[in-house]
Structures are given as structure tokens and as C-alpha cells.
Amino acid sequence: MAIVGFIGLGSIGRPIAEKLIKAGYKLIVYDQFAKFYDLVSLGAEGAVSNKEVASGSEIVITVLPNSAQVKEAILGVGGVVEGLRKGMIVADMSSISQDLGREVGLALKKKNAAFLALQVSGGKAGAVNGTLSLMAEGDRHAFEKVKPILEKIASNIEVKEQK
């Protein structure tokens, strides 16, 4: 199983992270604003920065409230992009603008990493119950690598065709 970095442990991110831990994934977790000691007691490893999450992971998942927080977490000082290695995947489950999605995708491509934008519906109840619906857009090979993880948290997963 891949080592999964997880950034964003709010009302949707936390139950997703818990499901992945219970499914046997090794998680490295971080949230600038939320405490995550309970996830560490479940078996996750706590990190001190977004960069540290990326440095120890193969796949990074972000679940943040808005574009500004995603940009900071991925592209900012001490961000995910600073800890990336060739072949890594960043899957974003936040509500971000298409412009930011393109910007992040290009920045990751320059580091030989892949980006998946995951539109999410189902809210907190879907996260708790594992019944989220996801629409994935991005690199098909990266999607296939992330798909087993997504199947643990979602009941409906679709892939948007690339043009």
C-alpha cells in the first residue's frame, strides 16, 4: 500500500483520513489549524509542515476549504511542491478554481509529479459514511494509482475525459 500524505483535517478531511487509517494505509497527516493527535493515536504519523508530508509520502491528498489555502499548502513556502519527488501524485479534493488547478498542475509537472483534481459531493455525512461521489480530472495513470484509495472513501467515482 502506498504511503499517503494527508493535508486538511476538518469536517470532511478528518473522517476520510480515519477511513484510510482503518483500511490499513500509512498516513502522514498535517493541518495548520486543526489538532490531529487523535489520528496519531490511531496510527497516523504527524508532520510539522506540508513539505514534510510530501517528503515522506508517495501520494498526497489535500482537503482544504478554498483556493487560497490550497495554493499556500501546495505552492507556498514550506509547501508540498518543496517536498515532491519524481513520480509523486497530488490529489486535491478541495473546492478550487480551474485557474488554480491549472497552475498547480503545471508546477507539479515541472517537478515530474502528477496532479488530480477531485470534485467531491456528499459533504460530511458522505465522508463519515464512505459514500462520497468523486469526479476525477487529470493524468489517467495517476488516477489508476490513486483509485484503490478513493474506493475506500467513495461509493461513486467517475473520470472526466481529458481533451
Foldseek 3Di string as FASTA:
>chain_A
DWEEEEEDCPLQRVLLLVLLLVVPHAYEYDYPPDDDVVVVVSPHHYDDAQLVSLQPGQEYEYEDAEAVVVCCQDVNVRHNLNRHAAAGEYEYAYDYDVVSQVVSQVSQVVRNYWYKYWDWDDPSNLQNVLAIAIEIETDPVVCVVCVVSNNSRHPHYHYDDDD
